[in-house]
C-alpha atoms as a PDB file:
ATOM      1  CA  MET A   1       0.000   0.000   0.000  1.00  0.00           C
ATOM      2  CA  ALA A   2       1.111   3.521  -0.783  1.00  0.00           C
ATOM      3  CA  SER A   3       0.136   6.710   0.985  1.00  0.00           C
ATOM      4  CA  VAL A   4       0.075  10.256  -0.424  1.00  0.00           C
ATOM      5  CA  ARG A   5      -0.747  13.477   1.390  1.00  0.00           C
ATOM      6  CA  ALA A   6      -2.584  15.848  -0.902  1.00  0.00           C
ATOM      7  CA  LYS A   7      -4.729  18.940  -1.181  1.00  0.00           C
ATOM      8  CA  LEU A   8      -7.713  18.543  -3.488  1.00  0.00           C
ATOM      9  CA  VAL A   9      -9.156  21.772  -4.902  1.00  0.00           C
ATOM     10  CA  TYR A  10     -12.645  21.517  -6.347  1.00  0.00           C
ATOM     11  CA  PRO A  11     -14.019  23.726  -9.129  1.00  0.00           C
ATOM     12  CA  VAL A  12     -17.572  24.977  -8.706  1.00  0.00           C
ATOM     13  CA  THR A  13     -18.870  22.285 -11.081  1.00  0.00           C
ATOM     14  CA  GLN A  14     -17.619  19.467  -8.836  1.00  0.00           C
ATOM     15  CA  VAL A  15     -18.450  20.702  -5.319  1.00  0.00           C
ATOM     16  CA  LYS A  16     -21.572  18.555  -5.025  1.00  0.00           C
ATOM     17  CA  ARG A  17     -19.980  15.407  -6.502  1.00  0.00           C
ATOM     18  CA  PRO A  18     -19.299  12.607  -3.940  1.00  0.00           C
ATOM     19  CA  VAL A  19     -15.566  12.574  -4.662  1.00  0.00           C
ATOM     20  CA  ILE A  20     -14.393  10.782  -1.509  1.00  0.00           C
ATOM     21  CA  ALA A  21     -17.029   8.062  -1.881  1.00  0.00           C
ATOM     22  CA  THR A  22     -16.058   7.600  -5.533  1.00  0.00           C
ATOM     23  CA  LEU A  23     -12.386   7.270  -4.630  1.00  0.00           C
ATOM     24  CA  ALA A  24     -13.237   4.542  -2.102  1.00  0.00           C
ATOM     25  CA  LEU A  25     -15.834   2.630  -4.125  1.00  0.00           C
ATOM     26  CA  ASP A  26     -14.498   2.917  -7.674  1.00  0.00           C
ATOM     27  CA  PHE A  27     -10.736   3.179  -7.114  1.00  0.00           C
ATOM     28  CA  ASN A  28     -10.113   1.384  -3.771  1.00  0.00           C
ATOM     29  CA  VAL A  29      -8.469   4.535  -2.417  1.00  0.00           C
ATOM     30  CA  LEU A  30      -9.150   5.480   1.196  1.00  0.00           C
ATOM     31  CA  ALA A  31      -9.079   9.131   2.238  1.00  0.00           C
ATOM     32  CA  ASP A  32      -8.270  10.288   5.754  1.00  0.00           C
ATOM     33  CA  ILE A  33      -9.535  13.884   5.748  1.00  0.00           C
ATOM     34  CA  ARG A  34      -7.451  16.274   7.887  1.00  0.00           C
ATOM     35  CA  ARG A  35      -8.975  19.647   6.988  1.00  0.00           C
ATOM     36  CA  ALA A  36     -11.648  20.777   4.586  1.00  0.00           C
ATOM     37  CA  ASN A  37     -13.707  23.721   3.444  1.00  0.00           C
ATOM     38  CA  VAL A  38     -16.486  22.938   0.992  1.00  0.00           C
ATOM     39  CA  GLU A  39     -19.081  25.546   0.076  1.00  0.00           C
ATOM     40  CA  ASP A  40     -21.512  26.013  -2.800  1.00  0.00           C
ATOM     41  CA  GLY A  41     -19.005  27.864  -4.978  1.00  0.00           C
ATOM     42  CA  ASN A  42     -15.706  26.163  -4.215  1.00  0.00           C
ATOM     43  CA  GLY A  43     -14.004  23.672  -2.001  1.00  0.00           C
ATOM     44  CA  TRP A  44     -10.753  22.134  -0.900  1.00  0.00           C
ATOM     45  CA  LEU A  45      -9.660  19.382   1.381  1.00  0.00           C
ATOM     46  CA  ILE A  46      -6.392  18.153   2.760  1.00  0.00           C
ATOM     47  CA  CYS A  47      -6.176  14.410   3.147  1.00  0.00           C
ATOM     48  CA  GLU A  48      -4.006  11.362   3.195  1.00  0.00           C
ATOM     49  CA  LEU A  49      -4.880   9.015   0.345  1.00  0.00           C
ATOM     50  CA  GLU A  50      -4.034   5.333   0.705  1.00  0.00           C
ATOM     51  CA  GLY A  51      -4.135   2.562  -1.877  1.00  0.00           C
ATOM     52  CA  THR A  52      -1.934   0.623  -4.243  1.00  0.00           C
ATOM     53  CA  SER A  53       0.266   2.674  -6.541  1.00  0.00           C
ATOM     54  CA  ASP A  54      -1.879   1.639  -9.519  1.00  0.00           C
ATOM     55  CA  ASP A  55      -5.139   2.559  -7.748  1.00  0.00           C
ATOM     56  CA  LEU A  56      -3.735   5.946  -6.732  1.00  0.00           C
ATOM     57  CA  GLN A  57      -2.589   6.643 -10.299  1.00  0.00           C
ATOM     58  CA  ARG A  58      -6.030   5.740 -11.664  1.00  0.00           C
ATOM     59  CA  ALA A  59      -7.688   7.899  -9.000  1.00  0.00           C
ATOM     60  CA  PHE A  60      -5.433  10.869  -9.793  1.00  0.00           C
ATOM     61  CA  ALA A  61      -6.218  10.505 -13.499  1.00  0.00           C
ATOM     62  CA  TRP A  62      -9.943  10.515 -12.726  1.00  0.00           C
ATOM     63  CA  LEU A  63      -9.601  13.561 -10.453  1.00  0.00           C
ATOM     64  CA  ASP A  64      -7.768  15.352 -13.264  1.00  0.00           C
ATOM     65  CA  GLU A  65     -10.560  14.450 -15.721  1.00  0.00           C
ATOM     66  CA  MET A  66     -13.094  15.892 -13.261  1.00  0.00           C
ATOM     67  CA  GLY A  67     -11.127  19.155 -13.065  1.00  0.00           C
ATOM     68  CA  ILE A  68     -10.142  18.575  -9.442  1.00  0.00           C
ATOM     69  CA  GLU A  69      -6.641  19.872  -8.803  1.00  0.00           C
ATOM     70  CA  VAL A  70      -4.363  17.575  -6.796  1.00  0.00           C
ATOM     71  CA  ASP A  71      -1.377  19.124  -5.034  1.00  0.00           C
ATOM     72  CA  THR A  72       0.807  16.588  -3.260  1.00  0.00           C
ATOM     73  CA  LEU A  73       2.146  17.764   0.072  1.00  0.00           C
ATOM     74  CA  GLY A  74       5.213  16.975   2.130  1.00  0.00           C
ATOM     75  CA  ASP A  75       5.076  15.749   5.696  1.00  0.00           C
ATOM     76  CA  VAL A  76       2.902  18.613   6.950  1.00  0.00           C
ATOM     77  CA  VAL A  77      -0.784  17.709   6.598  1.00  0.00           C
ATOM     78  CA  GLU A  78      -2.250  20.527   8.684  1.00  0.00           C
ATOM     79  CA  SER A  79      -1.448  23.395   6.291  1.00  0.00           C
END
């Protein structure tokens, strides 16, 4: 299993999409949410994503297709 700390930034068109549920159900990627701010017009969350390297790569490709920006973080999750 691999683990990646990341900030996901949602465009307005994706705020109401169940992104975390989709990552878990469709891509076998678990998300441990550390901080989040999701409103009607925008949203972001900082999380640790865990899964196989292949599952994470597929999940990141899907997030990119959905227009959700993924910024990988270093050791600091609470930023």
